[in-house]
Structures are given as C-alpha cells and as structure tokens.
Amino acid sequence: MKSEVNYKYPSVEDLRIRAKSKIPKFAFEYLDGGCNNDVNLKKNTERIRDIELKPKYLVDYKAPSLKTELFGHTYDAPFGISPVGLQGLMWPKSPEILAKAAYDHNIPFMLSTVTTASIEIIAEITEGKAWFQLYHPAEDSVTKDILKRAKAAECPVLVILADVPSFGYRPRDIRNGLSMPPKMTITNIINAIKRPHWSLQTLINGQPSFEILKPYMPKNLNISQLAKFMDGTFSGRLNEDKIKKIRDLWKGKLVLKGAESVHDVEKAYQLGLDGVIISNHGGRQVDVGQATIDSLKTIAPLYKDKFTVMMDSGIRGGADVARVMASGADFSFMGRTFMYGVSALGRKGGNHTIAMLKTQLTQVMEQMSCGEIKDLQSKLVLK
C-alpha cells in the first residue's frame, strides 16, 4: 500500500516527544512510565541495543521481503501491535485506529480485555483477524462468556497473561489518580484543559470506558464502586488448573504472554499451548527482573523448534526489530511504540508508525544483505 510516513516524525522518539505535547500529563505518564524506579523499562531497550549484527556486502543478494509466517498466516512484517489498557484515555478511538492500520498493513493487532473498544467492534474492523488478550476473570462464567464472544468474533489467537498476579506499583499513576480504575482530579482536569485538541476529541468521541467489561458491570457505578468491581472481577495469578480450563474451552491458537523463565515456558509447552511471548509487560509489572531480550536468548534456543517463541517489551524501532529477530524470536510485538504514534498524529498515527517501522527494518536488511527475515540470525555477532 502507499506509504504514509510523515517525515516530520521519522523516529519513535520524535513521535514520543510529539505525543507528550499533544496529550495531558496524566495520560502521557500512564503511557510512558514503568513501575517502581523504571529500571526494567530502561533496561529492556538498552539491552536490545547492545546487540550487534555484522553485514556482508559482497554477496549475491535479492531485494528483502519482510513477510513472516505465524500460526499459518503470512503477515507483511515480523511485528505486531501489543495490547494496551485504557487506550482511549491516551487518544480517543486509539484501538479502532490501530486495528484498522494493522488490518490495512496485514500485521497482527492484539486487543486487551481492559481497553476501550469492544471485541465485536474490533472484529468488524479487522474482519475477524484481531488477537485477544485475556485478563483472568475470577468467575468462570465471565471467562466462558468472554471466550464465547472472542470465538464468535473469529479471533484466531487467544493470549493469556502470566505476569499480572498483582498490578505493578507505578508511582506516576498513583500520583495522577490513574491506578485501576482511573479518576479525574482537579489537577488532571487542569492538565486536560491545557491540551485543547485532546479535550475536543474526547468530548466528540465520549469518555472512554471498559467496553469489553460493560455486560458484566452494574450500571451507574461511581469511582469507588468501580474500583471494588475491578478488584472483584479479576484474579490475576495464573496456574496450571486455569490454563487447562482455558485450553479445554479454546480450540484456536493459545499463547502465554509474560513468560520469562524456562520453567514457565516448559509448563506452557507441556500444557499444549501453541507459543509464548517473552515479555515483562513493558517494564510495568516488575522492576527487579532481567531484560526481555536476555530471557529470549536463554529460551529461544531451547524451544524454537518445539513451538512459537515471540517477544515484546523495549522494542522502539525497526532496527530493534532486526536485533530481536536476529536473537531468535519468531515474531515481535510493540505497545508503547504504536501508542506514541496515535497520540502524536491521531488517525494517521497507526499507518505512519507501521510504514516507518517497515522502512527502518528494510534498510537494516539491505545493509545486512538479508533477503528474508530468517537470514538476520546469521548476522548476529556472538558475545
């Protein structure tokens, strides 16, 4: 399709800076921050960028292809859009914008249980190609109904979370009143007024809400009641029994996200899952672990030939995608990267960000003389 790169913002950092100027402080800090002291948030990207590739120029070479097969579908690039909660808070209709861009560019879009668009709307936009990430309801009846909706929407892949036994301790969000659920303080209202474009778009599109959970929520809840509902609705700690129940209920592809240890990956393999996403929730859940790329380097050699090994957290550009794929990942995902794009450029942000990443990745492949994504692994400098 026609490139929609806006060359005023040719990097993810450019989009991040623009997003900071476009959306209220509370929304930007929710998007941009990690947990505790942001150690893992920073380390994720830093460790990815320690990876080096060695080019070979004087070789027979054909034009590069980014096409990558994943779960029987050939995507146009080896990266997809990770789930992000409360997307409509950062920019109105963000999940719809990103889902449409993902569909147009033929890359996977993953919808979160706690985002601001319904399964049904996203399924319509993507013609049933969107993946769904399940936060774990405490009640089996809610789990069954959500999975029934995901099946009716023809979601090809269900993703279950291992890394939410508790919500991360996020000082910025606590100060801003954006713990779960969010609330508007006087300071937040003032910050919103300072961002008139965001405020106008929010007014036009309506206050964001947990669209997927609406059928299970009592009507007209106030903030304290909503907090109690959210605490009572989710039981975040995953275990073998929960996974077995979901495996029995879900006949499509099933993926564990948040795995960082060989122990957890082995459990997922033994329980019949189809793959894992090595992830630490973008540094938002735990601050004392290792960077996801280091977990990938340990896990990929052991399981790459058994089932699908993917990674997210810390990837901030096409060159980072190349580094991750060279390190053994079958596929990669990004969350913040795409939300920076939408927050910066609104409805054009999704297409811009995907096109920009494709351009960046293609340039790296041309430098490495790689005709296919899998060729990147042969360029990895071992340390």
Protein backbone atom coordinates (compact mmCIF):
# COMPACT_ATOMS: atom_id res chain seq x y z
CA MET A 1 0.00 0.00 0.00
CA LYS A 2 1.04 3.63 -0.38
CA SER A 3 3.49 4.73 2.30
CA GLU A 4 2.00 7.08 4.86
CA VAL A 5 5.24 8.07 6.60
CA ASN A 6 5.19 11.64 7.88
CA TYR A 7 8.84 12.63 7.59
CA LYS A 8 8.46 15.34 10.22
CA TYR A 9 8.45 12.41 12.68
CA PRO A 10 10.90 9.85 11.27
CA SER A 11 11.64 8.07 14.57
CA VAL A 12 9.77 6.67 17.55
CA GLU A 13 11.44 9.25 19.77
CA ASP A 14 10.08 12.01 17.53
CA LEU A 15 6.61 10.54 18.00
CA ARG A 16 7.13 10.30 21.75
CA ILE A 17 8.10 13.97 22.00
CA ARG A 18 5.13 14.99 19.86
CA ALA A 19 2.78 12.82 21.94
CA LYS A 20 3.99 14.48 25.13
CA SER A 21 2.98 17.86 23.72
CA LYS A 22 -0.42 16.63 22.50
CA ILE A 23 -1.95 14.72 25.41
CA PRO A 24 -2.44 15.58 29.10
CA LYS A 25 0.33 14.84 31.55
CA PHE A 26 -1.63 12.10 33.34
CA ALA A 27 -2.26 10.27 30.04
CA PHE A 28 1.33 10.62 28.83
CA GLU A 29 2.80 9.42 32.12
CA TYR A 30 0.45 6.43 32.10
CA LEU A 31 1.74 5.55 28.63
CA ASP A 32 5.40 6.42 29.14
CA GLY A 33 6.10 5.13 32.64
CA GLY A 34 7.13 1.79 34.09
CA CYS A 35 6.90 0.56 37.65
CA ASN A 36 8.89 1.42 40.77
CA ASN A 37 12.08 3.16 39.53
CA ASP A 38 11.71 2.37 35.79
CA VAL A 39 14.77 0.11 35.88
CA ASN A 40 13.35 -2.59 33.62
CA LEU A 41 11.63 -0.03 31.41
CA LYS A 42 15.01 1.46 30.51
CA LYS A 43 16.97 -1.78 30.60
CA ASN A 44 14.68 -3.52 28.11
CA THR A 45 15.68 -1.14 25.31
CA GLU A 46 19.29 -0.68 26.41
CA ARG A 47 19.97 -4.42 26.36
CA ILE A 48 18.32 -4.81 22.94
CA ARG A 49 20.63 -2.12 21.62
CA ASP A 50 23.70 -3.94 22.94
CA ILE A 51 23.08 -6.49 20.18
CA GLU A 52 25.27 -6.16 17.10
CA LEU A 53 24.85 -7.53 13.58
CA LYS A 54 27.68 -7.95 11.08
CA PRO A 55 26.99 -7.06 7.42
CA LYS A 56 28.37 -8.89 4.39
CA TYR A 57 28.20 -6.68 1.33
CA LEU A 58 29.99 -8.57 -1.46
CA VAL A 59 27.42 -11.35 -1.83
CA ASP A 60 24.63 -12.34 -4.20
CA TYR A 61 21.56 -10.54 -2.94
CA LYS A 62 17.91 -10.06 -3.73
CA ALA A 63 15.54 -7.34 -2.58
CA PRO A 64 14.40 -8.00 1.01
CA SER A 65 10.98 -9.34 1.96
CA LEU A 66 9.52 -8.66 5.39
CA LYS A 67 6.86 -11.35 5.02
CA THR A 68 6.72 -13.67 8.02
CA GLU A 69 4.55 -16.73 8.62
CA LEU A 70 2.95 -17.05 12.03
CA PHE A 71 0.31 -19.62 13.03
CA GLY A 72 -0.49 -20.41 9.42
CA HIS A 73 -0.92 -16.79 8.31
CA THR A 74 1.67 -14.87 6.31
CA TYR A 75 1.99 -11.33 7.67
CA ASP A 76 3.61 -8.47 5.79
CA ALA A 77 6.11 -7.74 8.58
CA PRO A 78 7.57 -9.62 11.57
CA PHE A 79 5.98 -7.31 14.12
CA GLY A 80 2.54 -6.68 15.55
CA ILE A 81 0.68 -4.38 17.93
CA SER A 82 0.69 -5.38 21.61
CA PRO A 83 -2.37 -4.92 23.83
CA VAL A 84 -2.51 -1.72 25.88
CA GLY A 85 -5.08 -0.95 28.55
CA LEU A 86 -7.10 2.28 28.60
CA GLN A 87 -6.02 3.18 25.05
CA GLY A 88 -8.86 5.65 24.53
CA LEU A 89 -7.64 7.65 27.51
CA MET A 90 -4.43 8.49 25.65
CA TRP A 91 -6.13 9.27 22.36
CA PRO A 92 -9.83 8.80 21.52
CA LYS A 93 -10.59 5.71 19.42
CA SER A 94 -6.96 4.52 19.65
CA PRO A 95 -7.76 0.80 19.49
CA GLU A 96 -10.02 1.32 16.47
CA ILE A 97 -7.34 3.41 14.72
CA LEU A 98 -4.62 0.85 15.36
CA ALA A 99 -6.80 -2.13 14.49
CA LYS A 100 -7.63 -0.57 11.12
CA ALA A 101 -3.98 0.25 10.43
CA ALA A 102 -2.93 -3.28 11.37
CA TYR A 103 -5.57 -4.73 9.07
CA ASP A 104 -4.53 -2.47 6.19
CA HIS A 105 -0.86 -3.39 6.62
CA ASN A 106 -1.53 -7.09 7.29
CA ILE A 107 0.09 -7.28 10.73
CA PRO A 108 -1.49 -8.69 13.91
CA PHE A 109 -3.39 -6.45 16.32
CA MET A 110 -3.90 -7.69 19.87
CA LEU A 111 -6.86 -6.39 21.90
CA SER A 112 -6.71 -6.09 25.70
CA THR A 113 -9.59 -7.04 27.99
CA VAL A 114 -9.22 -3.67 29.72
CA THR A 115 -9.01 -1.39 26.71
CA THR A 116 -11.68 0.95 25.42
CA ALA A 117 -13.13 -0.86 22.39
CA SER A 118 -15.30 -3.96 22.30
CA ILE A 119 -14.34 -7.33 20.87
CA GLU A 120 -17.17 -7.01 18.40
CA ILE A 121 -16.14 -3.59 17.04
CA ILE A 122 -12.51 -4.63 16.59
CA ALA A 123 -13.59 -7.88 14.93
CA GLU A 124 -15.65 -5.89 12.45
CA ILE A 125 -12.74 -3.55 11.67
CA THR A 126 -10.26 -6.42 11.20
CA GLU A 127 -12.66 -8.91 9.62
CA GLY A 128 -12.00 -11.37 12.44
CA LYS A 129 -8.21 -11.18 12.31
CA ALA A 130 -7.54 -9.50 15.69
CA TRP A 131 -5.95 -11.46 18.51
CA PHE A 132 -7.42 -11.19 22.02
CA GLN A 133 -5.57 -10.94 25.34
CA LEU A 134 -7.49 -12.20 28.35
CA TYR A 135 -7.12 -10.79 31.83
CA HIS A 136 -8.31 -13.55 34.12
CA PRO A 137 -11.84 -13.13 35.48
CA ALA A 138 -12.44 -14.51 38.94
CA GLU A 139 -15.76 -16.02 37.85
CA ASP A 140 -15.72 -18.94 35.42
CA SER A 141 -19.00 -17.71 33.94
CA VAL A 142 -17.39 -14.41 32.89
CA THR A 143 -14.39 -16.24 31.40
CA LYS A 144 -16.65 -18.53 29.41
CA ASP A 145 -18.75 -15.65 28.11
CA ILE A 146 -15.74 -13.56 27.05
CA LEU A 147 -14.25 -16.56 25.27
CA LYS A 148 -17.59 -17.21 23.60
CA ARG A 149 -17.57 -13.63 22.31
CA ALA A 150 -13.96 -13.97 21.13
CA LYS A 151 -14.83 -17.18 19.30
CA ALA A 152 -17.90 -15.56 17.69
CA ALA A 153 -15.62 -12.71 16.60
CA GLU A 154 -13.33 -15.31 14.94
CA CYS A 155 -10.25 -14.23 16.89
CA PRO A 156 -7.53 -16.57 15.60
CA VAL A 157 -5.30 -16.35 18.70
CA LEU A 158 -6.08 -16.10 22.42
CA VAL A 159 -3.32 -14.72 24.63
CA ILE A 160 -3.33 -15.36 28.39
CA LEU A 161 -1.24 -13.38 30.86
CA ALA A 162 1.26 -14.80 33.32
CA ASP A 163 2.59 -11.50 34.70
CA VAL A 164 -0.40 -9.96 36.46
CA PRO A 165 -0.66 -11.67 39.87
CA SER A 166 -0.83 -8.05 41.01
CA PHE A 167 -0.84 -4.70 39.27
CA GLY A 168 2.56 -3.04 39.07
CA TYR A 169 3.48 -0.36 41.60
CA ARG A 170 3.52 2.74 39.39
CA PRO A 171 4.30 5.97 41.31
CA ARG A 172 3.28 8.34 38.48
CA ASP A 173 -0.12 6.70 38.10
CA ILE A 174 -0.67 6.76 41.86
CA ARG A 175 0.10 10.49 41.99
CA ASN A 176 -2.14 11.13 38.97
CA GLY A 177 -5.05 9.04 40.23
CA LEU A 178 -4.61 6.60 37.35
CA SER A 179 -4.47 3.42 39.32
CA MET A 180 -7.15 0.89 38.41
CA PRO A 181 -9.70 2.33 37.84
CA PRO A 182 -8.79 5.90 36.84
CA LYS A 183 -10.29 9.02 38.36
CA MET A 184 -10.16 12.67 37.37
CA THR A 185 -8.64 15.01 39.94
CA ILE A 186 -8.64 18.80 39.78
CA THR A 187 -5.01 18.68 38.64
CA ASN A 188 -5.90 16.25 35.86
CA ILE A 189 -8.77 18.47 34.72
CA ILE A 190 -6.41 21.45 34.53
CA ASN A 191 -3.90 19.37 32.54
CA ALA A 192 -6.68 18.34 30.16
CA ILE A 193 -7.65 21.96 29.57
CA LYS A 194 -4.04 22.66 28.56
CA ARG A 195 -4.46 20.13 25.73
CA PRO A 196 -7.47 21.53 23.83
CA HIS A 197 -7.18 19.22 20.80
CA TRP A 198 -7.22 16.12 23.04
CA SER A 199 -10.09 17.59 25.09
CA LEU A 200 -12.14 18.39 21.99
CA GLN A 201 -11.63 14.93 20.51
CA THR A 202 -12.51 13.33 23.84
CA LEU A 203 -15.65 15.45 24.03
CA ILE A 204 -16.64 14.47 20.50
CA ASN A 205 -15.96 10.76 20.97
CA GLY A 206 -17.14 10.45 24.55
CA GLN A 207 -15.43 9.46 27.78
CA PRO A 208 -13.50 6.19 27.40
CA SER A 209 -14.80 3.15 29.27
CA PHE A 210 -14.09 -0.56 29.62
CA GLU A 211 -16.22 -1.61 26.65
CA ILE A 212 -15.47 -5.33 26.85
CA LEU A 213 -16.49 -5.49 30.52
CA LYS A 214 -19.71 -3.48 30.20
CA PRO A 215 -22.01 -6.53 30.01
CA TYR A 216 -20.70 -7.72 33.38
CA MET A 217 -20.77 -4.37 35.19
CA PRO A 218 -23.68 -2.98 37.22
CA LYS A 219 -24.95 0.27 35.74
CA ASN A 220 -24.08 3.74 37.05
CA LEU A 221 -21.13 2.77 39.22
CA ASN A 222 -19.29 5.58 40.95
CA ILE A 223 -15.48 5.54 41.21
CA SER A 224 -15.30 3.65 44.49
CA GLN A 225 -17.85 1.10 43.28
CA LEU A 226 -15.96 0.66 40.02
CA ALA A 227 -12.75 0.04 41.97
CA LYS A 228 -14.49 -2.65 44.01
CA PHE A 229 -15.91 -4.21 40.84
CA MET A 230 -12.49 -4.35 39.16
CA ASP A 231 -10.85 -5.86 42.25
CA GLY A 232 -13.57 -8.48 42.47
CA THR A 233 -13.70 -9.26 38.77
CA PHE A 234 -10.06 -10.17 38.11
CA SER A 235 -7.99 -12.93 39.61
CA GLY A 236 -4.64 -12.29 38.03
CA ARG A 237 -2.47 -15.17 39.19
CA LEU A 238 -2.32 -17.87 36.55
CA ASN A 239 -1.79 -21.54 37.40
CA GLU A 240 -1.91 -24.91 35.67
CA ASP A 241 -5.57 -25.55 36.51
CA LYS A 242 -6.66 -22.21 34.99
CA ILE A 243 -4.61 -22.85 31.88
CA LYS A 244 -6.04 -26.36 31.48
CA LYS A 245 -9.60 -25.00 31.72
CA ILE A 246 -8.88 -22.35 29.11
CA ARG A 247 -7.14 -24.88 26.86
CA ASP A 248 -10.25 -27.08 27.02
CA LEU A 249 -12.54 -24.14 26.24
CA TRP A 250 -10.46 -22.53 23.49
CA LYS A 251 -9.89 -24.58 20.35
CA GLY A 252 -7.92 -21.90 18.48
CA LYS A 253 -4.28 -20.96 18.95
CA LEU A 254 -3.39 -20.31 22.61
CA VAL A 255 -0.36 -18.27 23.68
CA LEU A 256 1.13 -17.47 27.09
CA LYS A 257 2.35 -13.87 27.46
CA GLY A 258 4.67 -12.72 30.23
CA ALA A 259 6.83 -15.84 30.36
CA GLU A 260 10.46 -15.07 31.19
CA SER A 261 11.74 -18.29 32.72
CA VAL A 262 12.47 -21.70 31.25
CA HIS A 263 10.22 -23.11 34.00
CA ASP A 264 7.15 -21.19 32.80
CA VAL A 265 7.85 -21.82 29.13
CA GLU A 266 8.23 -25.54 29.77
CA LYS A 267 4.89 -25.56 31.62
CA ALA A 268 3.23 -23.80 28.69
CA TYR A 269 4.70 -26.36 26.29
CA GLN A 270 3.61 -29.32 28.41
CA LEU A 271 0.07 -27.93 28.71
CA GLY A 272 -0.33 -27.86 24.95
CA LEU A 273 -0.07 -24.14 24.26
CA ASP A 274 0.96 -23.02 20.80
CA GLY A 275 3.54 -20.43 21.80
CA VAL A 276 4.82 -17.87 24.27
CA ILE A 277 5.50 -14.15 24.21
CA ILE A 278 8.61 -13.34 26.23
CA SER A 279 7.56 -10.13 27.98
CA ASN A 280 7.77 -8.17 31.22
CA HIS A 281 4.75 -6.02 30.35
CA GLY A 282 7.00 -3.28 29.02
CA GLY A 283 8.62 -2.87 32.42
CA ARG A 284 5.26 -2.06 34.00
CA GLN A 285 4.91 -5.06 36.29
CA VAL A 286 8.26 -5.91 37.86
CA ASP A 287 11.42 -3.80 38.19
CA VAL A 288 13.86 -6.39 39.54
CA GLY A 289 13.94 -8.89 36.67
CA GLN A 290 16.14 -9.16 33.62
CA ALA A 291 15.56 -7.52 30.27
CA THR A 292 13.28 -9.46 27.95
CA ILE A 293 15.99 -9.84 25.30
CA ASP A 294 18.15 -11.71 27.83
CA SER A 295 15.26 -14.03 28.62
CA LEU A 296 14.75 -14.58 24.88
CA LYS A 297 18.41 -15.52 24.39
CA THR A 298 18.04 -18.26 27.01
CA ILE A 299 14.63 -19.56 25.95
CA ALA A 300 14.69 -19.37 22.13
CA PRO A 301 17.46 -21.96 21.56
CA LEU A 302 15.65 -24.46 23.80
CA TYR A 303 12.12 -24.08 22.40
CA LYS A 304 12.35 -22.54 18.94
CA ASP A 305 11.88 -25.92 17.23
CA LYS A 306 9.10 -27.01 19.61
CA PHE A 307 6.65 -24.12 19.41
CA THR A 308 6.44 -20.41 18.62
CA VAL A 309 8.63 -18.03 20.64
CA MET A 310 7.82 -14.31 20.36
CA MET A 311 8.90 -11.22 22.29
CA ASP A 312 7.74 -7.75 23.29
CA SER A 313 8.93 -5.04 25.73
CA GLY A 314 11.58 -2.45 24.89
CA ILE A 315 11.36 -2.53 21.09
CA ARG A 316 11.40 1.05 19.81
CA GLY A 317 12.11 0.91 16.09
CA GLY A 318 12.81 -1.15 13.02
CA ALA A 319 16.46 -1.67 13.95
CA ASP A 320 15.32 -3.06 17.31
CA VAL A 321 13.01 -5.46 15.49
CA ALA A 322 16.00 -6.65 13.46
CA ARG A 323 18.04 -7.20 16.64
CA VAL A 324 15.22 -9.17 18.28
CA MET A 325 14.60 -11.34 15.22
CA ALA A 326 18.34 -11.98 14.88
CA SER A 327 18.35 -13.13 18.51
CA GLY A 328 15.95 -15.98 17.80
CA ALA A 329 12.41 -14.61 18.05
CA ASP A 330 9.82 -15.92 15.62
CA PHE A 331 7.90 -12.63 15.87
CA SER A 332 7.92 -9.37 17.81
CA PHE A 333 5.32 -7.03 19.29
CA MET A 334 5.27 -3.38 20.38
CA GLY A 335 2.77 -1.47 22.51
CA ARG A 336 4.08 1.97 23.50
CA THR A 337 5.64 2.49 20.08
CA PHE A 338 2.24 2.45 18.38
CA MET A 339 0.53 4.45 21.13
CA TYR A 340 3.15 7.18 20.73
CA GLY A 341 2.22 7.26 17.05
CA VAL A 342 -1.51 7.59 17.61
CA SER A 343 -1.10 10.07 20.47
CA ALA A 344 1.15 12.18 18.26
CA LEU A 345 -0.71 12.01 14.95
CA GLY A 346 -4.25 10.89 15.75
CA ARG A 347 -5.96 8.92 12.98
CA LYS A 348 -2.83 8.99 10.82
CA GLY A 349 -0.61 7.68 13.61
CA GLY A 350 -1.17 3.97 13.10
CA ASN A 351 -0.40 3.92 9.39
CA HIS A 352 2.56 6.26 9.86
CA THR A 353 4.14 4.15 12.60
CA ILE A 354 3.77 0.85 10.75
CA ALA A 355 5.12 2.32 7.49
CA MET A 356 8.02 3.94 9.34
CA LEU A 357 8.97 0.67 11.07
CA LYS A 358 8.80 -1.23 7.78
CA THR A 359 11.09 1.35 6.15
CA GLN A 360 13.59 1.19 9.03
CA LEU A 361 13.64 -2.61 9.08
CA THR A 362 14.00 -2.86 5.30
CA GLN A 363 17.03 -0.53 5.43
CA VAL A 364 18.72 -2.76 8.02
CA MET A 365 18.05 -5.86 5.93
CA GLU A 366 19.52 -4.20 2.87
CA GLN A 367 22.65 -3.33 4.83
CA MET A 368 22.92 -6.90 6.11
CA SER A 369 22.22 -8.37 2.64
CA CYS A 370 19.29 -10.32 4.07
CA GLY A 371 16.63 -11.41 1.61
CA GLU A 372 14.34 -12.83 4.31
CA ILE A 373 13.77 -12.15 8.00
CA LYS A 374 15.20 -15.52 8.98
CA ASP A 375 18.53 -14.52 7.40
CA LEU A 376 19.10 -11.97 10.18
CA GLN A 377 20.10 -14.74 12.60
CA SER A 378 23.21 -15.49 10.54
CA LYS A 379 24.33 -11.86 11.03
CA LEU A 380 24.27 -11.94 14.83
CA VAL A 381 27.59 -11.09 16.50
CA LEU A 382 28.03 -13.62 19.28
CA LYS A 383 29.47 -12.34 22.55
